[in-house]
Amino acid sequence: MYRRHLNCSDLKSAILYEVFPRNHGKTGTFQDITDDLERIRSLGTDIVWLMPFYPTGRLNRKGKSGSPYAISDYRSIDPALGDFDDFQVLVESVHDLGMKLIIDIVFNHTSCDSNLIKTHPDWFLKDEAGNFSRKENNWSDVYDLDYSQTELWRAQIDTLKFWCARGIDGFRCDVASLVPLRFWESARSTVDPDRKLIWLAESVHKSFVHHLRKEGFYCSSDPELHSVFDLTYDYDGFEYLTPALEKGQPIGPYLNHLFIQQTLYPADSCKLRFLENHDVPRVAGRVTNQRCLKNWSVFYALLPGTTLIYAGQEYGLTHLPNLFERDKINWPEKAVGFYNFFKKLMIVSRKIKRAGTDFDIREIQRGLLQISWSGKKDKFTALADLSLNTSEYHLDMPLSGEELLTCNSLQRPTGITRRMLPLIFQTA
């Protein structure tokens, strides 16, 4: 099957679905994921991201199963998930459904008993006493790699080539900020000179950048990473978003940061927008009012950039799978009301962002956001209430057009009750 390259414009409207392989299905295998692909695709998904599926280390392991990010062998598969044939079936099945597949690459560190520790101990960070070390003490199940070793660069690039040969479409690079940008530049120019693969950087919170630099370690900022990567995490804004999400504080600081991203970052940069992922608590566990959850979902889905769905988010699940244990997702037996809403939202938001080139967002009353997308032919407006503190809003504009989440015609004067929200309508 012909695989279309996703360009920058495509990524800015794409939907990425994150899968935790060992916890996704009943048996914890690649086959579980393959069997679920049609449902995943029905959400409007363009890209499937597999969290690490490699063998995990045992030395200093956290929990019984260990973190999938404490990898003992970059070029092997955890036998509990399947083998290379099973992986190949998964890759081909993703492509047959018109989606892309990216895999997790964890190049800042390995497990404390990795094959590289045994064969190339000189490739690792050491403390003053010559002991294996790490930049972040809380990551006690890993040792950090030392990129002053040029032979390490060649080995890591060969690992990228190894997985490219198996038909994958790109990489999600774990804590990419902590690995020298010059390495990423070399890796992409060598492995992907035509820039056809998808490169997603897990950039880090600004406070973490500041902390590491104060400690004397290297750490890239988001604008620096965009010289190599197609996508970076939205963690640079999360320190403004989280207080609004969890404590009902004003959303204004995050909207101000959006403006910074759109003006001070490279013009073709793209952010990964999310309310949850494997490291962040389930949004449905933090926003327990379902109407409020729907409003927050509309808000994040219509932000410029790639929309992330962490498996289970579409059902409004509240339990976050444990990173260190076998902790399978408890999938509902049938679609529920929130699932149907979320599925419709993903399809609608994808359509809007593909039709629109001009984005605007403003807070018209405390907690009430007006989000606008417009293109050459179409104009879309959404209203999302992030606070639910007000029973009725009085708008300075009439609402008229097709309401896209319900497909109902909307003719409304300037008054609106919160029970009507969220709303998305096409105005031209």
Protein backbone atom coordinates (compact mmCIF):
# COMPACT_ATOMS: atom_id res chain seq x y z
CA MET A 1 0.00 0.00 0.00
CA TYR A 2 1.22 3.53 -0.84
CA ARG A 3 2.11 5.41 2.32
CA ARG A 4 1.56 9.15 2.09
CA HIS A 5 4.14 11.36 3.72
CA LEU A 6 2.69 13.55 6.46
CA ASN A 7 4.02 17.05 5.89
CA CYS A 8 4.10 19.90 8.39
CA SER A 9 0.58 21.00 7.50
CA ASP A 10 -0.75 17.47 7.95
CA LEU A 11 0.86 17.12 11.38
CA LYS A 12 -0.82 20.32 12.56
CA SER A 13 -4.18 18.60 12.19
CA ALA A 14 -3.19 14.99 12.88
CA ILE A 15 -4.41 12.71 15.66
CA LEU A 16 -1.85 10.51 17.42
CA TYR A 17 -2.95 7.51 19.49
CA GLU A 18 -0.61 6.32 22.26
CA VAL A 19 -0.51 2.60 23.09
CA PHE A 20 1.10 0.95 26.14
CA PRO A 21 1.73 -2.50 24.57
CA ARG A 22 1.86 -4.74 27.64
CA ASN A 23 -1.27 -3.14 29.14
CA HIS A 24 -3.41 -2.60 26.06
CA GLY A 25 -5.25 -5.90 25.74
CA LYS A 26 -6.18 -9.07 27.57
CA THR A 27 -3.03 -10.98 26.69
CA GLY A 28 -0.60 -8.05 26.59
CA THR A 29 0.70 -8.87 23.11
CA PHE A 30 1.14 -7.20 19.72
CA GLN A 31 -1.85 -9.23 18.54
CA ASP A 32 -4.10 -7.35 20.99
CA ILE A 33 -3.07 -4.08 19.36
CA THR A 34 -3.49 -5.43 15.84
CA ASP A 35 -7.01 -6.60 16.72
CA ASP A 36 -7.91 -3.11 17.97
CA LEU A 37 -6.60 -1.11 15.02
CA GLU A 38 -9.91 -0.65 13.21
CA ARG A 39 -11.47 0.90 16.31
CA ILE A 40 -8.40 3.09 16.79
CA ARG A 41 -8.65 4.22 13.18
CA SER A 42 -12.35 5.04 13.61
CA LEU A 43 -11.35 7.79 16.06
CA GLY A 44 -9.74 9.66 13.18
CA THR A 45 -6.26 8.45 14.13
CA ASP A 46 -3.45 9.24 11.70
CA ILE A 47 -0.49 7.98 13.75
CA VAL A 48 -0.15 5.12 16.24
CA TRP A 49 2.62 5.51 18.83
CA LEU A 50 3.92 2.38 20.53
CA MET A 51 5.47 2.91 23.93
CA PRO A 52 8.64 0.80 24.47
CA PHE A 53 8.25 -2.88 23.70
CA TYR A 54 11.87 -3.86 24.37
CA PRO A 55 13.17 -6.11 27.18
CA THR A 56 13.35 -4.27 30.50
CA GLY A 57 16.23 -4.46 32.93
CA ARG A 58 16.20 -6.32 36.22
CA LEU A 59 18.92 -4.55 38.21
CA ASN A 60 17.32 -1.78 40.33
CA ARG A 61 14.00 -2.56 38.68
CA LYS A 62 10.97 -0.58 39.85
CA GLY A 63 7.93 -2.77 40.46
CA LYS A 64 7.53 -6.36 39.30
CA SER A 65 7.50 -5.61 35.57
CA GLY A 66 9.84 -2.65 35.47
CA SER A 67 9.57 0.59 33.58
CA PRO A 68 9.39 0.11 29.81
CA TYR A 69 11.81 3.06 29.69
CA ALA A 70 14.54 1.06 31.48
CA ILE A 71 15.63 -0.84 28.37
CA SER A 72 18.17 -3.64 28.39
CA ASP A 73 18.46 -4.13 24.60
CA TYR A 74 17.49 -1.54 22.00
CA ARG A 75 17.25 -4.07 19.16
CA SER A 76 15.15 -6.79 20.78
CA ILE A 77 11.48 -7.32 21.63
CA ASP A 78 10.10 -8.35 25.02
CA PRO A 79 9.12 -11.99 24.27
CA ALA A 80 5.95 -11.58 26.33
CA LEU A 81 4.67 -9.22 23.63
CA GLY A 82 5.53 -11.43 20.66
CA ASP A 83 8.35 -11.73 18.16
CA PHE A 84 9.56 -9.87 15.09
CA ASP A 85 6.98 -11.60 12.89
CA ASP A 86 4.19 -10.38 15.18
CA PHE A 87 5.68 -6.90 15.11
CA GLN A 88 5.80 -6.97 11.32
CA VAL A 89 2.14 -7.97 11.15
CA LEU A 90 1.29 -5.00 13.37
CA VAL A 91 3.29 -2.59 11.20
CA GLU A 92 1.67 -3.82 8.00
CA SER A 93 -1.80 -3.76 9.55
CA VAL A 94 -1.34 -0.13 10.60
CA HIS A 95 -0.31 0.75 7.05
CA ASP A 96 -3.18 -1.19 5.51
CA LEU A 97 -5.56 1.07 7.43
CA GLY A 98 -3.84 4.19 6.13
CA MET A 99 -2.11 5.11 9.40
CA LYS A 100 1.53 5.63 10.39
CA LEU A 101 3.41 3.84 13.17
CA ILE A 102 6.05 5.50 15.35
CA ILE A 103 8.03 3.80 18.09
CA ASP A 104 9.62 4.99 21.32
CA ILE A 105 13.36 5.60 21.28
CA VAL A 106 15.01 6.02 24.69
CA PHE A 107 18.54 7.28 24.05
CA ASN A 108 19.23 9.27 27.22
CA HIS A 109 19.69 6.16 29.34
CA THR A 110 19.51 2.36 29.51
CA SER A 111 18.64 -0.07 32.25
CA CYS A 112 21.32 -0.60 34.88
CA ASP A 113 22.12 -4.03 33.41
CA SER A 114 21.79 -3.32 29.69
CA ASN A 115 23.88 -5.05 27.04
CA LEU A 116 25.66 -1.72 26.44
CA ILE A 117 26.66 -1.50 30.12
CA LYS A 118 28.33 -4.88 29.73
CA THR A 119 30.00 -4.30 26.36
CA HIS A 120 30.71 -0.56 26.41
CA PRO A 121 30.88 0.73 30.00
CA ASP A 122 32.88 3.70 28.71
CA TRP A 123 29.76 4.98 26.95
CA PHE A 124 28.07 5.88 30.26
CA LEU A 125 28.01 8.92 32.48
CA LYS A 126 30.25 8.59 35.56
CA ASP A 127 30.39 10.50 38.83
CA GLU A 128 33.62 11.83 40.38
CA ALA A 129 34.32 8.42 41.92
CA GLY A 130 33.97 6.70 38.54
CA ASN A 131 30.62 5.07 39.30
CA PHE A 132 27.81 4.87 36.76
CA SER A 133 25.58 7.88 37.19
CA ARG A 134 22.48 9.73 36.02
CA LYS A 135 21.32 13.34 35.71
CA GLU A 136 18.07 12.80 37.61
CA ASN A 137 18.41 10.90 40.90
CA ASN A 138 14.76 9.79 40.93
CA TRP A 139 15.42 7.66 37.84
CA SER A 140 17.14 5.04 39.96
CA ASP A 141 16.50 2.15 37.55
CA VAL A 142 18.65 3.60 34.75
CA TYR A 143 22.14 4.90 34.00
CA ASP A 144 22.65 7.80 31.60
CA LEU A 145 24.65 7.59 28.39
CA ASP A 146 27.60 9.89 27.72
CA TYR A 147 27.38 11.49 24.28
CA SER A 148 30.96 12.75 24.37
CA GLN A 149 31.73 9.22 23.15
CA THR A 150 31.57 9.36 19.34
CA GLU A 151 31.33 5.57 18.96
CA LEU A 152 28.05 5.75 20.88
CA TRP A 153 26.65 8.06 18.17
CA ARG A 154 27.33 5.48 15.47
CA ALA A 155 25.74 2.69 17.49
CA GLN A 156 22.60 4.72 18.23
CA ILE A 157 22.22 5.73 14.60
CA ASP A 158 22.58 2.07 13.59
CA THR A 159 19.74 1.26 16.01
CA LEU A 160 17.53 3.82 14.27
CA LYS A 161 18.39 2.25 10.91
CA PHE A 162 17.62 -1.19 12.34
CA TRP A 163 14.02 -0.18 13.10
CA CYS A 164 13.57 1.84 9.91
CA ALA A 165 14.35 -1.34 7.98
CA ARG A 166 11.28 -2.88 9.62
CA GLY A 167 8.96 -0.33 8.09
CA ILE A 168 8.25 2.07 10.94
CA ASP A 169 7.36 5.68 10.12
CA GLY A 170 9.16 7.63 12.80
CA PHE A 171 10.28 7.99 16.37
CA ARG A 172 9.01 9.44 19.64
CA CYS A 173 12.27 10.35 21.37
CA ASP A 174 12.11 10.09 25.15
CA VAL A 175 13.48 13.11 27.07
CA ALA A 176 15.00 14.31 23.80
CA SER A 177 16.02 17.57 25.49
CA LEU A 178 18.69 15.75 27.53
CA VAL A 179 20.45 14.27 24.48
CA PRO A 180 22.71 16.74 22.62
CA LEU A 181 21.01 18.49 19.74
CA ARG A 182 24.07 17.85 17.58
CA PHE A 183 23.44 14.12 17.94
CA TRP A 184 19.82 14.49 16.80
CA GLU A 185 20.95 16.61 13.86
CA SER A 186 23.42 13.92 12.83
CA ALA A 187 20.89 11.13 13.37
CA ARG A 188 18.17 12.72 11.27
CA SER A 189 20.46 13.78 8.43
CA THR A 190 21.87 10.24 8.28
CA VAL A 191 18.72 8.17 8.79
CA ASP A 192 16.15 10.49 7.25
CA PRO A 193 17.87 12.86 4.79
CA ASP A 194 14.64 13.48 2.86
CA ARG A 195 12.77 14.24 6.11
CA LYS A 196 9.98 11.78 5.39
CA LEU A 197 9.83 10.22 8.86
CA ILE A 198 7.98 11.67 11.85
CA TRP A 199 10.23 12.88 14.68
CA LEU A 200 8.50 13.66 17.97
CA ALA A 201 10.60 15.06 20.83
CA GLU A 202 9.54 14.64 24.41
CA SER A 203 10.70 18.10 25.39
CA VAL A 204 10.58 18.89 29.10
CA HIS A 205 9.06 21.45 31.47
CA LYS A 206 10.82 24.82 31.57
CA SER A 207 11.52 24.34 35.28
CA PHE A 208 13.34 21.08 34.49
CA VAL A 209 15.41 22.80 31.80
CA HIS A 210 16.38 25.43 34.38
CA HIS A 211 17.16 22.80 37.03
CA LEU A 212 19.42 20.71 34.79
CA ARG A 213 21.30 23.73 33.47
CA LYS A 214 21.91 24.93 37.03
CA GLU A 215 23.35 21.48 37.81
CA GLY A 216 25.73 21.85 34.87
CA PHE A 217 24.01 19.42 32.50
CA TYR A 218 23.04 19.95 28.90
CA CYS A 219 19.33 20.49 28.17
CA SER A 220 17.75 21.81 24.95
CA SER A 221 14.84 24.22 24.89
CA ASP A 222 11.79 23.64 22.71
CA PRO A 223 12.75 26.26 20.06
CA GLU A 224 16.16 24.59 19.71
CA LEU A 225 14.60 21.14 19.24
CA HIS A 226 12.37 22.41 16.43
CA SER A 227 15.43 22.73 14.19
CA VAL A 228 15.42 18.91 14.02
CA PHE A 229 12.07 17.64 15.26
CA ASP A 230 8.65 17.92 13.61
CA LEU A 231 6.85 17.87 16.94
CA THR A 232 7.63 18.76 20.54
CA TYR A 233 5.65 18.17 23.72
CA ASP A 234 3.48 20.91 25.19
CA TYR A 235 5.23 20.58 28.56
CA ASP A 236 6.63 24.08 28.10
CA GLY A 237 3.09 25.33 28.67
CA PHE A 238 1.90 22.69 31.11
CA GLU A 239 3.00 24.65 34.15
CA TYR A 240 0.34 27.20 33.16
CA LEU A 241 -2.31 24.71 32.04
CA THR A 242 -2.27 22.37 35.05
CA PRO A 243 -3.43 24.93 37.67
CA ALA A 244 -6.41 25.79 35.48
CA LEU A 245 -7.23 22.14 34.92
CA GLU A 246 -6.83 20.93 38.50
CA LYS A 247 -7.60 23.98 40.64
CA GLY A 248 -9.87 26.11 38.48
CA GLN A 249 -7.32 28.90 38.29
CA PRO A 250 -7.47 31.37 35.37
CA ILE A 251 -6.61 30.01 31.94
CA GLY A 252 -5.10 33.34 30.88
CA PRO A 253 -1.44 32.44 31.61
CA TYR A 254 -1.70 29.40 29.32
CA LEU A 255 -3.34 31.47 26.57
CA ASN A 256 -0.47 33.94 26.88
CA HIS A 257 1.99 31.08 26.45
CA LEU A 258 0.13 29.91 23.35
CA PHE A 259 0.82 33.34 21.88
CA ILE A 260 4.52 32.93 22.68
CA GLN A 261 4.59 29.54 20.96
CA GLN A 262 2.94 31.03 17.86
CA THR A 263 5.21 34.06 17.67
CA LEU A 264 8.64 33.24 19.14
CA TYR A 265 8.94 29.62 18.01
CA PRO A 266 9.79 28.74 14.37
CA ALA A 267 6.89 29.39 12.00
CA ASP A 268 6.64 25.74 10.95
CA SER A 269 6.90 24.33 14.49
CA CYS A 270 4.19 22.01 15.72
CA LYS A 271 3.21 21.08 19.28
CA LEU A 272 1.75 17.83 20.60
CA ARG A 273 -1.40 18.81 22.51
CA PHE A 274 -2.58 16.58 25.35
CA LEU A 275 -4.48 16.55 28.62
CA GLU A 276 -3.01 13.22 29.68
CA ASN A 277 -0.34 10.69 28.73
CA HIS A 278 1.42 7.80 30.44
CA ASP A 279 3.22 10.24 32.79
CA VAL A 280 0.27 12.55 33.47
CA PRO A 281 -2.85 11.55 35.49
CA ARG A 282 -6.02 10.76 33.58
CA VAL A 283 -7.91 13.94 32.83
CA ALA A 284 -11.21 12.26 33.76
CA GLY A 285 -9.77 11.65 37.22
CA ARG A 286 -9.02 15.36 37.62
CA VAL A 287 -12.13 16.78 35.92
CA THR A 288 -14.89 14.64 37.40
CA ASN A 289 -17.86 16.62 36.05
CA GLN A 290 -18.54 15.05 32.63
CA ARG A 291 -19.90 18.23 31.10
CA CYS A 292 -16.76 20.05 32.19
CA LEU A 293 -14.68 17.18 30.80
CA LYS A 294 -16.39 17.61 27.43
CA ASN A 295 -15.59 21.32 27.44
CA TRP A 296 -11.94 20.68 28.25
CA SER A 297 -11.82 18.05 25.51
CA VAL A 298 -13.12 20.53 22.92
CA PHE A 299 -10.59 23.11 24.08
CA TYR A 300 -7.57 20.85 23.69
CA ALA A 301 -8.74 19.19 20.47
CA LEU A 302 -9.02 22.55 18.72
CA LEU A 303 -5.62 23.89 19.73
CA PRO A 304 -3.18 24.13 16.80
CA GLY A 305 -0.98 21.06 16.61
CA THR A 306 -1.22 17.29 16.75
CA THR A 307 -3.86 15.94 19.14
CA LEU A 308 -2.77 13.11 21.44
CA ILE A 309 -5.17 10.43 22.66
CA TYR A 310 -3.76 8.20 25.39
CA ALA A 311 -5.47 4.80 25.08
CA GLY A 312 -8.53 4.80 27.34
CA GLN A 313 -8.97 8.57 27.33
CA GLU A 314 -11.69 8.19 24.72
CA TYR A 315 -13.83 6.34 27.28
CA GLY A 316 -13.19 8.84 30.05
CA LEU A 317 -11.31 6.24 32.08
CA THR A 318 -9.93 7.48 35.39
CA HIS A 319 -7.29 4.83 36.21
CA LEU A 320 -3.79 5.52 34.84
CA PRO A 321 -2.00 2.24 34.03
CA ASN A 322 0.93 1.67 36.36
CA LEU A 323 4.23 2.24 34.58
CA PHE A 324 6.02 -0.44 36.58
CA GLU A 325 3.47 -3.28 36.71
CA ARG A 326 1.24 -5.33 34.45
CA ASP A 327 -1.86 -3.18 34.78
CA LYS A 328 -4.19 -3.86 31.89
CA ILE A 329 -6.71 -1.29 30.74
CA ASN A 330 -10.23 -2.16 31.84
CA TRP A 331 -11.98 -1.54 28.53
CA PRO A 332 -15.77 -1.04 28.64
CA GLU A 333 -17.68 -3.77 26.86
CA LYS A 334 -19.53 -1.29 24.66
CA ALA A 335 -19.38 2.34 23.64
CA VAL A 336 -20.70 4.74 26.24
CA GLY A 337 -22.00 8.29 25.93
CA PHE A 338 -18.65 9.98 26.45
CA TYR A 339 -16.97 7.68 23.92
CA ASN A 340 -19.48 8.62 21.24
CA PHE A 341 -18.99 12.31 22.02
CA PHE A 342 -15.20 12.00 21.98
CA LYS A 343 -15.14 10.07 18.71
CA LYS A 344 -17.30 12.72 17.05
CA LEU A 345 -15.11 15.47 18.49
CA MET A 346 -11.90 13.95 17.14
CA ILE A 347 -13.34 13.63 13.64
CA VAL A 348 -14.81 17.14 13.69
CA SER A 349 -11.68 18.81 15.10
CA ARG A 350 -9.48 17.08 12.53
CA LYS A 351 -11.73 18.33 9.75
CA ILE A 352 -11.74 21.88 11.13
CA LYS A 353 -7.98 22.12 11.49
CA ARG A 354 -7.47 20.77 7.98
CA ALA A 355 -9.88 23.32 6.52
CA GLY A 356 -8.62 26.24 8.59
CA THR A 357 -5.31 28.06 8.52
CA ASP A 358 -6.13 30.97 10.81
CA PHE A 359 -6.47 30.21 14.55
CA ASP A 360 -7.65 32.55 17.27
CA ILE A 361 -8.63 32.02 20.89
CA ARG A 362 -9.90 34.48 23.48
CA GLU A 363 -11.53 34.37 26.88
CA ILE A 364 -14.77 36.31 26.43
CA GLN A 365 -15.93 35.79 30.02
CA ARG A 366 -14.22 34.13 33.00
CA GLY A 367 -13.68 30.52 31.92
CA LEU A 368 -15.60 30.87 28.64
CA LEU A 369 -13.37 30.50 25.58
CA GLN A 370 -14.17 31.35 22.01
CA ILE A 371 -12.01 29.36 19.58
CA SER A 372 -12.03 30.30 15.91
CA TRP A 373 -10.61 28.59 12.84
CA SER A 374 -10.96 30.06 9.35
CA GLY A 375 -9.70 29.17 5.90
CA LYS A 376 -10.30 30.26 2.33
CA LYS A 377 -13.86 28.99 2.31
CA ASP A 378 -14.90 27.96 5.80
CA LYS A 379 -15.12 29.51 9.23
CA PHE A 380 -15.67 27.62 12.46
CA THR A 381 -16.34 28.85 15.97
CA ALA A 382 -16.32 26.85 19.20
CA LEU A 383 -17.41 27.82 22.70
CA ALA A 384 -15.99 25.92 25.65
CA ASP A 385 -16.67 26.60 29.33
CA LEU A 386 -13.68 25.48 31.42
CA SER A 387 -15.09 26.61 34.75
CA LEU A 388 -18.84 25.92 34.81
CA ASN A 389 -19.09 28.62 37.47
CA THR A 390 -21.71 30.63 35.59
CA SER A 391 -25.22 29.38 34.84
CA GLU A 392 -25.82 31.75 31.93
CA TYR A 393 -23.60 33.73 29.59
CA HIS A 394 -24.46 36.78 27.53
CA LEU A 395 -22.47 36.91 24.32
CA ASP A 396 -21.72 39.85 22.09
CA MET A 397 -22.56 37.80 19.01
CA PRO A 398 -25.49 35.71 17.83
CA LEU A 399 -24.92 32.00 17.28
CA SER A 400 -25.96 30.80 13.87
CA GLY A 401 -25.06 27.80 11.76
CA GLU A 402 -24.74 24.03 11.95
CA GLU A 403 -23.70 22.70 15.37
CA LEU A 404 -21.15 20.08 14.39
CA LEU A 405 -21.17 17.84 17.45
CA THR A 406 -24.93 17.25 17.24
CA CYS A 407 -25.45 18.11 13.54
CA ASN A 408 -28.34 20.38 14.57
CA SER A 409 -29.06 23.78 13.05
CA LEU A 410 -28.25 26.53 15.55
CA GLN A 411 -30.14 29.82 15.68
CA ARG A 412 -29.64 31.56 18.98
CA PRO A 413 -29.63 35.15 20.25
CA THR A 414 -26.83 36.45 22.43
CA GLY A 415 -27.91 34.66 25.62
CA ILE A 416 -26.69 31.10 26.24
CA THR A 417 -26.87 28.70 29.16
CA ARG A 418 -23.96 26.53 30.24
CA ARG A 419 -26.08 23.42 29.59
CA MET A 420 -25.65 24.09 25.89
CA LEU A 421 -21.84 24.04 26.06
CA PRO A 422 -19.60 22.97 24.49
CA LEU A 423 -20.63 24.09 21.03
CA ILE A 424 -18.86 23.94 17.69
CA PHE A 425 -20.53 25.50 14.69
CA GLN A 426 -19.70 26.36 11.13
CA THR A 427 -20.49 29.99 10.35
CA ALA A 428 -19.57 30.22 6.67
